[in-house]
């Protein structure tokens, strides 16, 4: 009987945050390489938002209405608070990807720095493009293609 109750509690707790993903800085950098989030939700208290403002972030308040077209990132004063806000957003917008930042504003800013550095370093090695010699010159063609289909 205890095993059944424990199993039910586990299933309920795992589905409560179905699309909420807590992420540390490294995981966040990896997740944001695929695309920028649609919005960043700032769940910190007002005093902390004033000390370290988060540009373009939406301050969280209960009942906040957003249009999540991509992943939603939640930053708060504590990991528990970020998870709580992310859970509320998951309930309001089922099926949308919600990222809860583990480590708060420090982890978010460090992830942004890493993403900026990667973007500035250019494309990964091996993804260069070179125009072959003599392809831009006028005159007779180097190669003629013939099609069997008419």
Protein backbone atom coordinates (compact mmCIF):
# COMPACT_ATOMS: atom_id res chain seq x y z
CA UNK A 1 0.00 0.00 0.00
CA UNK A 2 2.82 2.41 0.88
CA UNK A 3 4.52 1.56 -2.40
CA UNK A 4 1.37 2.42 -4.35
CA UNK A 5 1.01 5.75 -2.55
CA UNK A 6 4.67 6.53 -3.14
CA UNK A 7 4.32 5.66 -6.84
CA UNK A 8 1.21 7.87 -7.18
CA UNK A 9 2.98 10.75 -5.41
CA UNK A 10 5.98 10.38 -7.72
CA UNK A 11 3.84 10.37 -10.86
CA UNK A 12 1.89 13.43 -9.69
CA UNK A 13 5.03 15.33 -8.75
CA UNK A 14 6.76 14.53 -12.05
CA UNK A 15 3.78 15.68 -14.13
CA UNK A 16 3.29 18.86 -12.10
CA UNK A 17 6.29 20.42 -13.84
CA UNK A 18 5.88 18.65 -17.19
CA UNK A 19 7.44 21.35 -19.35
CA UNK A 20 9.50 23.12 -16.68
CA UNK A 21 13.24 22.52 -16.97
CA UNK A 22 15.54 23.77 -14.20
CA UNK A 23 18.89 24.69 -15.76
CA UNK A 24 22.27 25.79 -14.50
CA UNK A 25 24.52 28.13 -16.51
CA UNK A 26 26.06 25.43 -18.71
CA UNK A 27 22.71 23.84 -19.53
CA UNK A 28 21.22 27.26 -20.21
CA UNK A 29 23.98 28.17 -22.68
CA UNK A 30 23.41 24.90 -24.51
CA UNK A 31 19.62 25.38 -24.60
CA UNK A 32 19.82 28.98 -25.82
CA UNK A 33 22.19 28.12 -28.69
CA UNK A 34 19.18 26.71 -30.54
CA UNK A 35 17.32 29.99 -30.34
CA UNK A 36 16.62 32.98 -28.20
CA UNK A 37 13.78 32.78 -25.70
CA UNK A 38 10.57 34.62 -26.43
CA UNK A 39 10.72 36.31 -23.07
CA UNK A 40 12.59 36.47 -19.78
CA UNK A 41 10.46 36.66 -16.65
CA UNK A 42 12.10 38.45 -13.72
CA UNK A 43 10.70 37.00 -10.50
CA UNK A 44 13.02 38.89 -8.17
CA UNK A 45 11.80 41.34 -5.56
CA UNK A 46 11.62 44.96 -6.69
CA UNK A 47 14.66 46.06 -4.67
CA UNK A 48 16.84 43.44 -6.38
CA UNK A 49 15.43 44.36 -9.80
CA UNK A 50 16.47 47.98 -9.18
CA UNK A 51 19.98 47.01 -8.01
CA UNK A 52 20.66 44.79 -11.02
CA UNK A 53 18.15 45.49 -13.78
CA UNK A 54 17.56 42.81 -16.38
CA UNK A 55 17.09 44.48 -19.75
CA UNK A 56 13.91 43.54 -21.64
CA UNK A 57 12.72 41.24 -18.83
CA UNK A 58 9.10 41.23 -17.74
CA UNK A 59 8.64 41.62 -13.98
CA UNK A 60 6.57 38.72 -12.70
CA UNK A 61 3.24 39.32 -11.08
CA UNK A 62 0.50 36.80 -10.53
CA UNK A 63 -1.73 36.52 -13.58
CA UNK A 64 0.96 37.78 -15.98
CA UNK A 65 -0.19 37.36 -19.60
CA UNK A 66 2.41 36.52 -22.25
CA UNK A 67 2.44 35.02 -25.73
CA UNK A 68 5.10 32.28 -25.53
CA UNK A 69 6.31 31.71 -29.09
CA UNK A 70 9.58 30.13 -27.93
CA UNK A 71 11.08 29.05 -24.62
CA UNK A 72 10.28 31.19 -21.57
CA UNK A 73 13.14 31.83 -19.12
CA UNK A 74 12.39 32.49 -15.43
CA UNK A 75 14.98 34.21 -13.23
CA UNK A 76 14.30 34.73 -9.52
CA UNK A 77 16.06 35.40 -6.22
CA UNK A 78 16.10 31.68 -5.35
CA UNK A 79 15.90 28.46 -7.31
CA UNK A 80 12.72 27.53 -5.42
CA UNK A 81 11.05 30.83 -6.35
CA UNK A 82 12.05 30.43 -10.00
CA UNK A 83 10.61 26.91 -10.02
CA UNK A 84 7.39 28.12 -8.40
CA UNK A 85 6.94 30.88 -11.02
CA UNK A 86 7.84 28.46 -13.82
CA UNK A 87 5.24 26.03 -12.52
CA UNK A 88 2.58 28.77 -12.54
CA UNK A 89 3.52 29.63 -16.14
CA UNK A 90 3.45 25.95 -17.07
CA UNK A 91 -0.09 25.72 -15.71
CA UNK A 92 -1.15 28.84 -17.61
CA UNK A 93 0.59 27.79 -20.85
CA UNK A 94 0.62 23.99 -21.05
CA UNK A 95 2.89 22.50 -23.67
CA UNK A 96 5.25 25.50 -23.77
CA UNK A 97 8.91 25.14 -22.79
CA UNK A 98 9.67 26.91 -19.51
CA UNK A 99 13.29 27.20 -18.34
CA UNK A 100 13.87 27.84 -14.65
CA UNK A 101 17.34 29.34 -14.03
CA UNK A 102 19.28 27.65 -11.25
CA UNK A 103 21.64 30.21 -9.75
CA UNK A 104 19.52 33.30 -10.33
CA UNK A 105 20.76 36.49 -11.95
CA UNK A 106 24.43 35.44 -11.66
CA UNK A 107 23.84 32.29 -13.71
CA UNK A 108 21.72 34.18 -16.26
CA UNK A 109 24.35 36.90 -16.78
CA UNK A 110 27.18 34.35 -16.99
CA UNK A 111 25.22 32.42 -19.63
CA UNK A 112 24.71 35.63 -21.63
CA UNK A 113 28.47 36.35 -21.49
CA UNK A 114 29.27 32.83 -22.71
CA UNK A 115 26.76 33.11 -25.55
CA UNK A 116 28.21 36.48 -26.58
CA UNK A 117 31.74 35.09 -26.59
CA UNK A 118 30.71 32.15 -28.74
CA UNK A 119 28.89 34.41 -31.19
CA UNK A 120 31.91 36.72 -31.43
CA UNK A 121 34.33 33.88 -32.05
CA UNK A 122 32.74 33.16 -35.43
CA UNK A 123 31.48 29.96 -36.95
CA UNK A 124 32.91 26.62 -35.80
CA UNK A 125 35.95 25.33 -37.68
CA UNK A 126 35.16 23.53 -40.91
CA UNK A 127 32.19 25.70 -41.83
CA UNK A 128 34.02 28.04 -44.16
CA UNK A 129 33.12 28.77 -47.77
CA UNK A 130 35.58 29.26 -50.59
CA UNK A 131 34.81 30.20 -54.18
CA UNK A 132 36.89 27.97 -56.45
CA UNK A 133 39.46 29.62 -58.69
CA UNK A 134 38.34 30.78 -62.15
CA UNK A 135 34.60 30.51 -61.46
CA UNK A 136 33.94 34.24 -61.59
CA UNK A 137 35.83 34.96 -64.78
CA UNK A 138 34.12 35.58 -68.09
CA UNK A 139 34.96 33.64 -71.24
CA UNK A 140 34.63 29.99 -72.00
CA UNK A 141 33.21 27.79 -69.26
CA UNK A 142 35.40 25.42 -67.31
CA UNK A 143 32.79 22.69 -67.26
CA UNK A 144 29.69 22.00 -69.36
CA UNK A 145 26.86 19.97 -67.86
CA UNK A 146 24.77 17.81 -70.14
CA UNK A 147 21.38 16.47 -69.20
CA UNK A 148 19.97 13.19 -70.47
CA UNK A 149 16.43 14.42 -69.92
CA UNK A 150 14.68 16.51 -72.55
